[in-house]
Amino acid sequence: MLSNSVRMSVIGLMKTLARELGPEIRVNAILQSAHETDRITNLIESGLESGKFSSYQDGLDFYAADVPLKRIGQPEELGDLAAFLSSPRSGYLNGAAIPLEGGSSRSNL
């Protein structure tokens, strides 16, 4: 409950900043889910040590089970989106909350 409340507050802050700081600064949010970063790798390795997972792939499959694309994101995909948002190609994008979660979100945000 706390995490969901804080997320909505951050989006509200992003929307306010997008209006107040434009046109000099554009403010957008990337709404990411699990990506194969050090955090997920560490969680999977801990799961391997505790016997929760029988293989690294089993751990990846566990975190991808609820994702319609049936995989978790790759760090490069997150970096590509951040690079796009930082580039002139996204020059008219401001105040946007962009989900990068393989379709796993069940909310309208």
PDB file of N, CA and C in Angstrom:
ATOM      1  N   MET A   1       0.828  -1.179   0.000  1.00  0.00           N
ATOM      2  CA  MET A   1       0.000   0.000   0.000  1.00  0.00           C
ATOM      3  C   MET A   1       0.884   1.258   0.000  1.00  0.00           C
ATOM      4  N   LEU A   2       1.917   1.258   0.821  1.00  0.00           N
ATOM      5  CA  LEU A   2       2.789   2.426   0.897  1.00  0.00           C
ATOM      6  C   LEU A   2       3.478   2.681  -0.438  1.00  0.00           C
ATOM      7  N   SER A   3       3.994   1.621  -1.047  1.00  0.00           N
ATOM      8  CA  SER A   3       4.700   1.763  -2.319  1.00  0.00           C
ATOM      9  C   SER A   3       3.786   2.339  -3.401  1.00  0.00           C
ATOM     10  N   ASN A   4       2.557   1.834  -3.485  1.00  0.00           N
ATOM     11  CA  ASN A   4       1.616   2.343  -4.490  1.00  0.00           C
ATOM     12  C   ASN A   4       1.260   3.801  -4.236  1.00  0.00           C
ATOM     13  N   SER A   5       1.113   4.177  -2.985  1.00  0.00           N
ATOM     14  CA  SER A   5       0.810   5.577  -2.653  1.00  0.00           C
ATOM     15  C   SER A   5       1.957   6.493  -3.036  1.00  0.00           C
ATOM     16  N   VAL A   6       3.168   6.064  -2.744  1.00  0.00           N
ATOM     17  CA  VAL A   6       4.337   6.882  -3.075  1.00  0.00           C
ATOM     18  C   VAL A   6       4.477   7.024  -4.592  1.00  0.00           C
ATOM     19  N   ARG A   7       4.241   5.950  -5.325  1.00  0.00           N
ATOM     20  CA  ARG A   7       4.342   6.021  -6.791  1.00  0.00           C
ATOM     21  C   ARG A   7       3.405   7.083  -7.365  1.00  0.00           C
ATOM     22  N   MET A   8       2.191   7.114  -6.884  1.00  0.00           N
ATOM     23  CA  MET A   8       1.240   8.111  -7.381  1.00  0.00           C
ATOM     24  C   MET A   8       1.696   9.519  -7.023  1.00  0.00           C
ATOM     25  N   SER A   9       2.292   9.685  -5.858  1.00  0.00           N
ATOM     26  CA  SER A   9       2.815  10.996  -5.462  1.00  0.00           C
ATOM     27  C   SER A   9       3.953  11.426  -6.382  1.00  0.00           C
ATOM     28  N   VAL A  10       4.809  10.495  -6.738  1.00  0.00           N
ATOM     29  CA  VAL A  10       5.926  10.815  -7.637  1.00  0.00           C
ATOM     30  C   VAL A  10       5.390  11.225  -9.011  1.00  0.00           C
ATOM     31  N   ILE A  11       4.373  10.557  -9.494  1.00  0.00           N
ATOM     32  CA  ILE A  11       3.785  10.929 -10.787  1.00  0.00           C
ATOM     33  C   ILE A  11       3.156  12.311 -10.699  1.00  0.00           C
ATOM     34  N   GLY A  12       2.495  12.599  -9.594  1.00  0.00           N
ATOM     35  CA  GLY A  12       1.940  13.941  -9.406  1.00  0.00           C
ATOM     36  C   GLY A  12       3.023  14.996  -9.395  1.00  0.00           C
ATOM     37  N   LEU A  13       4.119  14.735  -8.731  1.00  0.00           N
ATOM     38  CA  LEU A  13       5.254  15.655  -8.726  1.00  0.00           C
ATOM     39  C   LEU A  13       5.809  15.833 -10.127  1.00  0.00           C
ATOM     40  N   MET A  14       5.953  14.735 -10.866  1.00  0.00           N
ATOM     41  CA  MET A  14       6.457  14.801 -12.239  1.00  0.00           C
ATOM     42  C   MET A  14       5.548  15.676 -13.103  1.00  0.00           C
ATOM     43  N   LYS A  15       4.242  15.507 -12.987  1.00  0.00           N
ATOM     44  CA  LYS A  15       3.296  16.307 -13.768  1.00  0.00           C
ATOM     45  C   LYS A  15       3.424  17.795 -13.415  1.00  0.00           C
ATOM     46  N   THR A  16       3.556  18.104 -12.138  1.00  0.00           N
ATOM     47  CA  THR A  16       3.707  19.492 -11.702  1.00  0.00           C
ATOM     48  C   THR A  16       5.012  20.080 -12.229  1.00  0.00           C
ATOM     49  N   LEU A  17       6.097  19.344 -12.100  1.00  0.00           N
ATOM     50  CA  LEU A  17       7.385  19.838 -12.584  1.00  0.00           C
ATOM     51  C   LEU A  17       7.394  20.023 -14.098  1.00  0.00           C
ATOM     52  N   ALA A  18       6.719  19.135 -14.810  1.00  0.00           N
ATOM     53  CA  ALA A  18       6.657  19.262 -16.270  1.00  0.00           C
ATOM     54  C   ALA A  18       6.016  20.593 -16.669  1.00  0.00           C
ATOM     55  N   ARG A  19       5.010  21.003 -15.936  1.00  0.00           N
ATOM     56  CA  ARG A  19       4.343  22.279 -16.232  1.00  0.00           C
ATOM     57  C   ARG A  19       5.189  23.465 -15.785  1.00  0.00           C
ATOM     58  N   GLU A  20       5.827  23.357 -14.639  1.00  0.00           N
ATOM     59  CA  GLU A  20       6.555  24.491 -14.086  1.00  0.00           C
ATOM     60  C   GLU A  20       7.923  24.713 -14.733  1.00  0.00           C
ATOM     61  N   LEU A  21       8.573  23.661 -15.189  1.00  0.00           N
ATOM     62  CA  LEU A  21       9.941  23.786 -15.694  1.00  0.00           C
ATOM     63  C   LEU A  21      10.033  23.937 -17.215  1.00  0.00           C
ATOM     64  N   GLY A  22       8.941  23.602 -17.917  1.00  0.00           N
ATOM     65  CA  GLY A  22       8.957  23.757 -19.371  1.00  0.00           C
ATOM     66  C   GLY A  22       8.975  25.215 -19.753  1.00  0.00           C
ATOM     67  N   PRO A  23       9.496  25.585 -20.880  1.00  0.00           N
ATOM     68  CA  PRO A  23      10.020  24.723 -21.933  1.00  0.00           C
ATOM     69  C   PRO A  23      11.502  24.378 -21.783  1.00  0.00           C
ATOM     70  N   GLU A  24      12.192  24.979 -20.819  1.00  0.00           N
ATOM     71  CA  GLU A  24      13.624  24.727 -20.702  1.00  0.00           C
ATOM     72  C   GLU A  24      13.943  23.283 -20.323  1.00  0.00           C
ATOM     73  N   ILE A  25      13.131  22.721 -19.445  1.00  0.00           N
ATOM     74  CA  ILE A  25      13.361  21.361 -18.961  1.00  0.00           C
ATOM     75  C   ILE A  25      12.088  20.556 -19.156  1.00  0.00           C
ATOM     76  N   ARG A  26      12.240  19.382 -19.760  1.00  0.00           N
ATOM     77  CA  ARG A  26      11.121  18.453 -19.895  1.00  0.00           C
ATOM     78  C   ARG A  26      11.236  17.397 -18.802  1.00  0.00           C
ATOM     79  N   VAL A  27      10.102  16.989 -18.246  1.00  0.00           N
ATOM     80  CA  VAL A  27      10.092  16.006 -17.162  1.00  0.00           C
ATOM     81  C   VAL A  27       9.151  14.878 -17.548  1.00  0.00           C
ATOM     82  N   ASN A  28       9.689  13.657 -17.569  1.00  0.00           N
ATOM     83  CA  ASN A  28       8.912  12.464 -17.876  1.00  0.00           C
ATOM     84  C   ASN A  28       9.275  11.377 -16.875  1.00  0.00           C
ATOM     85  N   ALA A  29       8.466  10.338 -16.806  1.00  0.00           N
ATOM     86  CA  ALA A  29       8.729   9.234 -15.886  1.00  0.00           C
ATOM     87  C   ALA A  29       8.719   7.917 -16.646  1.00  0.00           C
ATOM     88  N   ILE A  30       9.672   7.066 -16.308  1.00  0.00           N
ATOM     89  CA  ILE A  30       9.693   5.700 -16.824  1.00  0.00           C
ATOM     90  C   ILE A  30       9.147   4.800 -15.721  1.00  0.00           C
ATOM     91  N   LEU A  31       8.061   4.120 -16.029  1.00  0.00           N
ATOM     92  CA  LEU A  31       7.425   3.213 -15.067  1.00  0.00           C
ATOM     93  C   LEU A  31       7.902   1.795 -15.375  1.00  0.00           C
ATOM     94  N   GLN A  32       8.998   1.411 -14.765  1.00  0.00           N
ATOM     95  CA  GLN A  32       9.592   0.117 -15.105  1.00  0.00           C
ATOM     96  C   GLN A  32       9.165  -0.980 -14.161  1.00  0.00           C
ATOM     97  N   SER A  33       9.175  -2.171 -14.697  1.00  0.00           N
ATOM     98  CA  SER A  33       8.973  -3.356 -13.873  1.00  0.00           C
ATOM     99  C   SER A  33      10.318  -4.060 -13.765  1.00  0.00           C
ATOM    100  N   ALA A  34      10.300  -5.348 -13.546  1.00  0.00           N
ATOM    101  CA  ALA A  34      11.542  -6.098 -13.382  1.00  0.00           C
ATOM    102  C   ALA A  34      12.369  -6.085 -14.670  1.00  0.00           C
ATOM    103  N   HIS A  35      13.630  -5.735 -14.493  1.00  0.00           N
ATOM    104  CA  HIS A  35      14.622  -5.816 -15.568  1.00  0.00           C
ATOM    105  C   HIS A  35      15.794  -6.631 -15.024  1.00  0.00           C
ATOM    106  N   GLU A  36      16.503  -7.290 -15.890  1.00  0.00           N
ATOM    107  CA  GLU A  36      17.591  -8.172 -15.457  1.00  0.00           C
ATOM    108  C   GLU A  36      18.822  -7.355 -15.046  1.00  0.00           C
ATOM    109  N   THR A  37      18.650  -6.649 -13.951  1.00  0.00           N
ATOM    110  CA  THR A  37      19.720  -5.829 -13.379  1.00  0.00           C
ATOM    111  C   THR A  37      20.347  -6.586 -12.203  1.00  0.00           C
ATOM    112  N   ASP A  38      21.304  -5.944 -11.543  1.00  0.00           N
ATOM    113  CA  ASP A  38      21.954  -6.581 -10.395  1.00  0.00           C
ATOM    114  C   ASP A  38      20.948  -6.986  -9.320  1.00  0.00           C
ATOM    115  N   ARG A  39      19.903  -6.186  -9.139  1.00  0.00           N
ATOM    116  CA  ARG A  39      18.910  -6.506  -8.096  1.00  0.00           C
ATOM    117  C   ARG A  39      18.230  -7.844  -8.383  1.00  0.00           C
ATOM    118  N   ILE A  40      17.773  -8.026  -9.600  1.00  0.00           N
ATOM    119  CA  ILE A  40      17.105  -9.289  -9.961  1.00  0.00           C
ATOM    120  C   ILE A  40      18.109 -10.438  -9.923  1.00  0.00           C
ATOM    121  N   THR A  41      19.312 -10.199 -10.431  1.00  0.00           N
ATOM    122  CA  THR A  41      20.346 -11.232 -10.403  1.00  0.00           C
ATOM    123  C   THR A  41      20.614 -11.671  -8.963  1.00  0.00           C
ATOM    124  N   ASN A  42      20.734 -10.715  -8.048  1.00  0.00           N
ATOM    125  CA  ASN A  42      20.964 -11.054  -6.643  1.00  0.00           C
ATOM    126  C   ASN A  42      19.794 -11.814  -6.040  1.00  0.00           C
ATOM    127  N   LEU A  43      18.571 -11.408  -6.378  1.00  0.00           N
ATOM    128  CA  LEU A  43      17.395 -12.123  -5.881  1.00  0.00           C
ATOM    129  C   LEU A  43      17.362 -13.558  -6.393  1.00  0.00           C
ATOM    130  N   ILE A  44      17.703 -13.738  -7.659  1.00  0.00           N
ATOM    131  CA  ILE A  44      17.714 -15.091  -8.225  1.00  0.00           C
ATOM    132  C   ILE A  44      18.821 -15.921  -7.583  1.00  0.00           C
ATOM    133  N   GLU A  45      19.997 -15.326  -7.419  1.00  0.00           N
ATOM    134  CA  GLU A  45      21.094 -16.063  -6.784  1.00  0.00           C
ATOM    135  C   GLU A  45      20.756 -16.452  -5.349  1.00  0.00           C
ATOM    136  N   SER A  46      20.092 -15.564  -4.621  1.00  0.00           N
ATOM    137  CA  SER A  46      19.639 -15.906  -3.263  1.00  0.00           C
ATOM    138  C   SER A  46      18.630 -17.041  -3.307  1.00  0.00           C
ATOM    139  N   GLY A  47      17.741 -16.999  -4.294  1.00  0.00           N
ATOM    140  CA  GLY A  47      16.764 -18.068  -4.469  1.00  0.00           C
ATOM    141  C   GLY A  47      17.412 -19.393  -4.824  1.00  0.00           C
ATOM    142  N   LEU A  48      18.494 -19.346  -5.567  1.00  0.00           N
ATOM    143  CA  LEU A  48      19.237 -20.572  -5.884  1.00  0.00           C
ATOM    144  C   LEU A  48      19.864 -21.153  -4.623  1.00  0.00           C
ATOM    145  N   GLU A  49      20.450 -20.279  -3.800  1.00  0.00           N
ATOM    146  CA  GLU A  49      21.091 -20.729  -2.564  1.00  0.00           C
ATOM    147  C   GLU A  49      20.081 -21.312  -1.576  1.00  0.00           C
ATOM    148  N   SER A  50      18.890 -20.730  -1.528  1.00  0.00           N
ATOM    149  CA  SER A  50      17.876 -21.211  -0.577  1.00  0.00           C
ATOM    150  C   SER A  50      17.059 -22.382  -1.119  1.00  0.00           C
ATOM    151  N   GLY A  51      17.242 -22.700  -2.384  1.00  0.00           N
ATOM    152  CA  GLY A  51      16.494 -23.797  -2.981  1.00  0.00           C
ATOM    153  C   GLY A  51      15.168 -23.384  -3.596  1.00  0.00           C
ATOM    154  N   LYS A  52      14.885 -22.076  -3.608  1.00  0.00           N
ATOM    155  CA  LYS A  52      13.634 -21.595  -4.207  1.00  0.00           C
ATOM    156  C   LYS A  52      13.627 -21.837  -5.712  1.00  0.00           C
ATOM    157  N   PHE A  53      14.800 -21.685  -6.340  1.00  0.00           N
ATOM    158  CA  PHE A  53      14.932 -21.905  -7.782  1.00  0.00           C
ATOM    159  C   PHE A  53      15.935 -23.029  -8.030  1.00  0.00           C
ATOM    160  N   SER A  54      15.664 -23.817  -9.066  1.00  0.00           N
ATOM    161  CA  SER A  54      16.584 -24.907  -9.408  1.00  0.00           C
ATOM    162  C   SER A  54      17.648 -24.470 -10.411  1.00  0.00           C
ATOM    163  N   SER A  55      17.382 -23.339 -11.083  1.00  0.00           N
ATOM    164  CA  SER A  55      18.358 -22.808 -12.042  1.00  0.00           C
ATOM    165  C   SER A  55      18.144 -21.302 -12.177  1.00  0.00           C
ATOM    166  N   TYR A  56      19.137 -20.646 -12.755  1.00  0.00           N
ATOM    167  CA  TYR A  56      18.997 -19.196 -12.992  1.00  0.00           C
ATOM    168  C   TYR A  56      17.790 -18.936 -13.898  1.00  0.00           C
ATOM    169  N   GLN A  57      17.634 -19.766 -14.931  1.00  0.00           N
ATOM    170  CA  GLN A  57      16.502 -19.607 -15.851  1.00  0.00           C
ATOM    171  C   GLN A  57      15.177 -19.794 -15.124  1.00  0.00           C
ATOM    172  N   ASP A  58      15.134 -20.693 -14.166  1.00  0.00           N
ATOM    173  CA  ASP A  58      13.925 -20.895 -13.356  1.00  0.00           C
ATOM    174  C   ASP A  58      13.574 -19.602 -12.617  1.00  0.00           C
ATOM    175  N   GLY A  59      14.583 -18.904 -12.108  1.00  0.00           N
ATOM    176  CA  GLY A  59      14.361 -17.626 -11.438  1.00  0.00           C
ATOM    177  C   GLY A  59      13.850 -16.569 -12.403  1.00  0.00           C
ATOM    178  N   LEU A  60      14.455 -16.507 -13.581  1.00  0.00           N
ATOM    179  CA  LEU A  60      13.969 -15.559 -14.597  1.00  0.00           C
ATOM    180  C   LEU A  60      12.520 -15.852 -14.958  1.00  0.00           C
ATOM    181  N   ASP A  61      12.213 -17.124 -15.122  1.00  0.00           N
ATOM    182  CA  ASP A  61      10.836 -17.518 -15.457  1.00  0.00           C
ATOM    183  C   ASP A  61       9.863 -17.130 -14.347  1.00  0.00           C
ATOM    184  N   PHE A  62      10.294 -17.252 -13.095  1.00  0.00           N
ATOM    185  CA  PHE A  62       9.461 -16.867 -11.965  1.00  0.00           C
ATOM    186  C   PHE A  62       9.100 -15.385 -12.047  1.00  0.00           C
ATOM    187  N   TYR A  63      10.085 -14.530 -12.284  1.00  0.00           N
ATOM    188  CA  TYR A  63       9.828 -13.088 -12.340  1.00  0.00           C
ATOM    189  C   TYR A  63       9.087 -12.681 -13.613  1.00  0.00           C
ATOM    190  N   ALA A  64       9.133 -13.516 -14.631  1.00  0.00           N
ATOM    191  CA  ALA A  64       8.450 -13.211 -15.890  1.00  0.00           C
ATOM    192  C   ALA A  64       7.056 -13.826 -15.985  1.00  0.00           C
ATOM    193  N   ALA A  65       6.677 -14.629 -15.006  1.00  0.00           N
ATOM    194  CA  ALA A  65       5.433 -15.400 -15.098  1.00  0.00           C
ATOM    195  C   ALA A  65       4.198 -14.547 -15.328  1.00  0.00           C
ATOM    196  N   ASP A  66       4.150 -13.358 -14.764  1.00  0.00           N
ATOM    197  CA  ASP A  66       2.959 -12.514 -14.870  1.00  0.00           C
ATOM    198  C   ASP A  66       3.085 -11.460 -15.973  1.00  0.00           C
ATOM    199  N   VAL A  67       4.127 -11.552 -16.768  1.00  0.00           N
ATOM    200  CA  VAL A  67       4.366 -10.576 -17.841  1.00  0.00           C
ATOM    201  C   VAL A  67       3.834 -11.152 -19.155  1.00  0.00           C
ATOM    202  N   PRO A  68       2.920 -10.455 -19.830  1.00  0.00           N
ATOM    203  CA  PRO A  68       2.385 -10.974 -21.085  1.00  0.00           C
ATOM    204  C   PRO A  68       3.457 -11.297 -22.137  1.00  0.00           C
ATOM    205  N   LEU A  69       4.580 -10.597 -22.131  1.00  0.00           N
ATOM    206  CA  LEU A  69       5.645 -10.893 -23.096  1.00  0.00           C
ATOM    207  C   LEU A  69       6.495 -12.085 -22.665  1.00  0.00           C
ATOM    208  N   LYS A  70       6.202 -12.638 -21.474  1.00  0.00           N
ATOM    209  CA  LYS A  70       6.845 -13.845 -20.940  1.00  0.00           C
ATOM    210  C   LYS A  70       8.359 -13.712 -20.768  1.00  0.00           C
ATOM    211  N   ARG A  71       8.807 -12.527 -20.414  1.00  0.00           N
ATOM    212  CA  ARG A  71      10.213 -12.301 -20.087  1.00  0.00           C
ATOM    213  C   ARG A  71      10.292 -11.020 -19.277  1.00  0.00           C
ATOM    214  N   ILE A  72      11.390 -10.848 -18.582  1.00  0.00           N
ATOM    215  CA  ILE A  72      11.614  -9.574 -17.915  1.00  0.00           C
ATOM    216  C   ILE A  72      12.433  -8.699 -18.862  1.00  0.00           C
ATOM    217  N   GLY A  73      12.476  -7.423 -18.555  1.00  0.00           N
ATOM    218  CA  GLY A  73      13.177  -6.486 -19.420  1.00  0.00           C
ATOM    219  C   GLY A  73      14.682  -6.607 -19.321  1.00  0.00           C
ATOM    220  N   GLN A  74      15.337  -6.165 -20.351  1.00  0.00           N
ATOM    221  CA  GLN A  74      16.792  -6.108 -20.373  1.00  0.00           C
ATOM    222  C   GLN A  74      17.238  -4.686 -20.049  1.00  0.00           C
ATOM    223  N   PRO A  75      18.360  -4.531 -19.364  1.00  0.00           N
ATOM    224  CA  PRO A  75      18.834  -3.192 -19.012  1.00  0.00           C
ATOM    225  C   PRO A  75      18.979  -2.280 -20.229  1.00  0.00           C
ATOM    226  N   GLU A  76      19.356  -2.858 -21.363  1.00  0.00           N
ATOM    227  CA  GLU A  76      19.513  -2.054 -22.579  1.00  0.00           C
ATOM    228  C   GLU A  76      18.202  -1.421 -23.019  1.00  0.00           C
ATOM    229  N   GLU A  77      17.087  -2.111 -22.785  1.00  0.00           N
ATOM    230  CA  GLU A  77      15.784  -1.561 -23.149  1.00  0.00           C
ATOM    231  C   GLU A  77      15.454  -0.344 -22.287  1.00  0.00           C
ATOM    232  N   LEU A  78      15.792  -0.417 -21.022  1.00  0.00           N
ATOM    233  CA  LEU A  78      15.607   0.723 -20.126  1.00  0.00           C
ATOM    234  C   LEU A  78      16.516   1.874 -20.554  1.00  0.00           C
ATOM    235  N   GLY A  79      17.778   1.563 -20.856  1.00  0.00           N
ATOM    236  CA  GLY A  79      18.715   2.584 -21.309  1.00  0.00           C
ATOM    237  C   GLY A  79      18.290   3.222 -22.622  1.00  0.00           C
ATOM    238  N   ASP A  80      17.763   2.412 -23.536  1.00  0.00           N
ATOM    239  CA  ASP A  80      17.311   2.950 -24.821  1.00  0.00           C
ATOM    240  C   ASP A  80      16.179   3.949 -24.627  1.00  0.00           C
ATOM    241  N   LEU A  81      15.244   3.641 -23.731  1.00  0.00           N
ATOM    242  CA  LEU A  81      14.137   4.560 -23.481  1.00  0.00           C
ATOM    243  C   LEU A  81      14.642   5.842 -22.822  1.00  0.00           C
ATOM    244  N   ALA A  82      15.542   5.714 -21.853  1.00  0.00           N
ATOM    245  CA  ALA A  82      16.098   6.896 -21.198  1.00  0.00           C
ATOM    246  C   ALA A  82      16.866   7.755 -22.207  1.00  0.00           C
ATOM    247  N   ALA A  83      17.616   7.123 -23.094  1.00  0.00           N
ATOM    248  CA  ALA A  83      18.356   7.870 -24.115  1.00  0.00           C
ATOM    249  C   ALA A  83      17.393   8.589 -25.057  1.00  0.00           C
ATOM    250  N   PHE A  84      16.315   7.906 -25.446  1.00  0.00           N
ATOM    251  CA  PHE A  84      15.316   8.548 -26.306  1.00  0.00           C
ATOM    252  C   PHE A  84      14.713   9.766 -25.618  1.00  0.00           C
ATOM    253  N   LEU A  85      14.346   9.612 -24.343  1.00  0.00           N
ATOM    254  CA  LEU A  85      13.734  10.724 -23.620  1.00  0.00           C
ATOM    255  C   LEU A  85      14.701  11.891 -23.449  1.00  0.00           C
ATOM    256  N   SER A  86      15.979  11.612 -23.489  1.00  0.00           N
ATOM    257  CA  SER A  86      16.998  12.660 -23.350  1.00  0.00           C
ATOM    258  C   SER A  86      17.381  13.280 -24.684  1.00  0.00           C
ATOM    259  N   SER A  87      16.862  12.749 -25.750  1.00  0.00           N
ATOM    260  CA  SER A  87      17.263  13.188 -27.085  1.00  0.00           C
ATOM    261  C   SER A  87      16.297  14.215 -27.672  1.00  0.00           C
ATOM    262  N   PRO A  88      16.734  14.932 -28.691  1.00  0.00           N
ATOM    263  CA  PRO A  88      15.841  15.876 -29.382  1.00  0.00           C
ATOM    264  C   PRO A  88      14.645  15.192 -30.045  1.00  0.00           C
ATOM    265  N   ARG A  89      14.752  13.884 -30.322  1.00  0.00           N
ATOM    266  CA  ARG A  89      13.648  13.156 -30.961  1.00  0.00           C
ATOM    267  C   ARG A  89      12.394  13.127 -30.085  1.00  0.00           C
ATOM    268  N   SER A  90      12.559  13.311 -28.793  1.00  0.00           N
ATOM    269  CA  SER A  90      11.401  13.321 -27.889  1.00  0.00           C
ATOM    270  C   SER A  90      11.074  14.745 -27.452  1.00  0.00           C
ATOM    271  N   GLY A  91      11.441  15.711 -28.257  1.00  0.00           N
ATOM    272  CA  GLY A  91      11.332  17.118 -27.893  1.00  0.00           C
ATOM    273  C   GLY A  91       9.945  17.622 -27.538  1.00  0.00           C
ATOM    274  N   TYR A  92       8.905  16.940 -27.962  1.00  0.00           N
ATOM    275  CA  TYR A  92       7.553  17.384 -27.640  1.00  0.00           C
ATOM    276  C   TYR A  92       6.912  16.502 -26.572  1.00  0.00           C
ATOM    277  N   LEU A  93       7.674  15.601 -26.008  1.00  0.00           N
ATOM    278  CA  LEU A  93       7.181  14.705 -24.972  1.00  0.00           C
ATOM    279  C   LEU A  93       7.515  15.310 -23.614  1.00  0.00           C
ATOM    280  N   ASN A  94       6.489  15.675 -22.866  1.00  0.00           N
ATOM    281  CA  ASN A  94       6.672  16.316 -21.568  1.00  0.00           C
ATOM    282  C   ASN A  94       5.507  15.945 -20.661  1.00  0.00           C
ATOM    283  N   GLY A  95       5.824  15.545 -19.436  1.00  0.00           N
ATOM    284  CA  GLY A  95       4.781  15.179 -18.485  1.00  0.00           C
ATOM    285  C   GLY A  95       4.194  13.805 -18.740  1.00  0.00           C
ATOM    286  N   ALA A  96       4.959  12.938 -19.399  1.00  0.00           N
ATOM    287  CA  ALA A  96       4.453  11.605 -19.737  1.00  0.00           C
ATOM    288  C   ALA A  96       4.964  10.558 -18.756  1.00  0.00           C
ATOM    289  N   ALA A  97       4.097   9.639 -18.412  1.00  0.00           N
ATOM    290  CA  ALA A  97       4.460   8.473 -17.619  1.00  0.00           C
ATOM    291  C   ALA A  97       4.452   7.284 -18.573  1.00  0.00           C
ATOM    292  N   ILE A  98       5.625   6.753 -18.868  1.00  0.00           N
ATOM    293  CA  ILE A  98       5.764   5.723 -19.899  1.00  0.00           C
ATOM    294  C   ILE A  98       6.026   4.363 -19.251  1.00  0.00           C
ATOM    295  N   PRO A  99       5.081   3.432 -19.381  1.00  0.00           N
ATOM    296  CA  PRO A  99       5.302   2.106 -18.813  1.00  0.00           C
ATOM    297  C   PRO A  99       6.304   1.319 -19.655  1.00  0.00           C
ATOM    298  N   LEU A 100       7.254   0.702 -18.987  1.00  0.00           N
ATOM    299  CA  LEU A 100       8.222  -0.181 -19.639  1.00  0.00           C
ATOM    300  C   LEU A 100       8.212  -1.477 -18.839  1.00  0.00           C
ATOM    301  N   GLU A 101       7.148  -2.262 -19.065  1.00  0.00           N
ATOM    302  CA  GLU A 101       6.895  -3.406 -18.208  1.00  0.00           C
ATOM    303  C   GLU A 101       6.304  -4.600 -18.940  1.00  0.00           C
ATOM    304  N   GLY A 102       6.471  -4.646 -20.248  1.00  0.00           N
ATOM    305  CA  GLY A 102       6.032  -5.814 -21.001  1.00  0.00           C
ATOM    306  C   GLY A 102       4.556  -6.081 -20.968  1.00  0.00           C
ATOM    307  N   GLY A 103       3.761  -5.081 -20.578  1.00  0.00           N
ATOM    308  CA  GLY A 103       2.310  -5.245 -20.523  1.00  0.00           C
ATOM    309  C   GLY A 103       1.802  -5.790 -19.198  1.00  0.00           C
ATOM    310  N   SER A 104       2.657  -5.847 -18.186  1.00  0.00           N
ATOM    311  CA  SER A 104       2.253  -6.488 -16.932  1.00  0.00           C
ATOM    312  C   SER A 104       1.393  -5.608 -16.025  1.00  0.00           C
ATOM    313  N   SER A 105       1.334  -4.332 -16.267  1.00  0.00           N
ATOM    314  CA  SER A 105       0.562  -3.437 -15.401  1.00  0.00           C
ATOM    315  C   SER A 105      -0.932  -3.682 -15.584  1.00  0.00           C
ATOM    316  N   ARG A 106      -1.639  -3.572 -14.485  1.00  0.00           N
ATOM    317  CA  ARG A 106      -3.099  -3.723 -14.528  1.00  0.00           C
ATOM    318  C   ARG A 106      -3.800  -2.414 -14.240  1.00  0.00           C
ATOM    319  N   SER A 107      -3.028  -1.327 -14.233  1.00  0.00           N
ATOM    320  CA  SER A 107      -3.627  -0.033 -13.939  1.00  0.00           C
ATOM    321  C   SER A 107      -3.698   0.824 -15.191  1.00  0.00           C
ATOM    322  N   ASN A 108      -4.392   1.931 -15.082  1.00  0.00           N
ATOM    323  CA  ASN A 108      -4.489   2.866 -16.198  1.00  0.00           C
ATOM    324  C   ASN A 108      -3.291   3.794 -16.266  1.00  0.00           C
ATOM    325  N   LEU A 109      -2.414   3.725 -15.288  1.00  0.00           N
ATOM    326  CA  LEU A 109      -1.227   4.581 -15.266  1.00  0.00           C
ATOM    327  C   LEU A 109      -0.008   3.779 -15.577  1.00  0.00           C
TER     328      LEU A 109
END
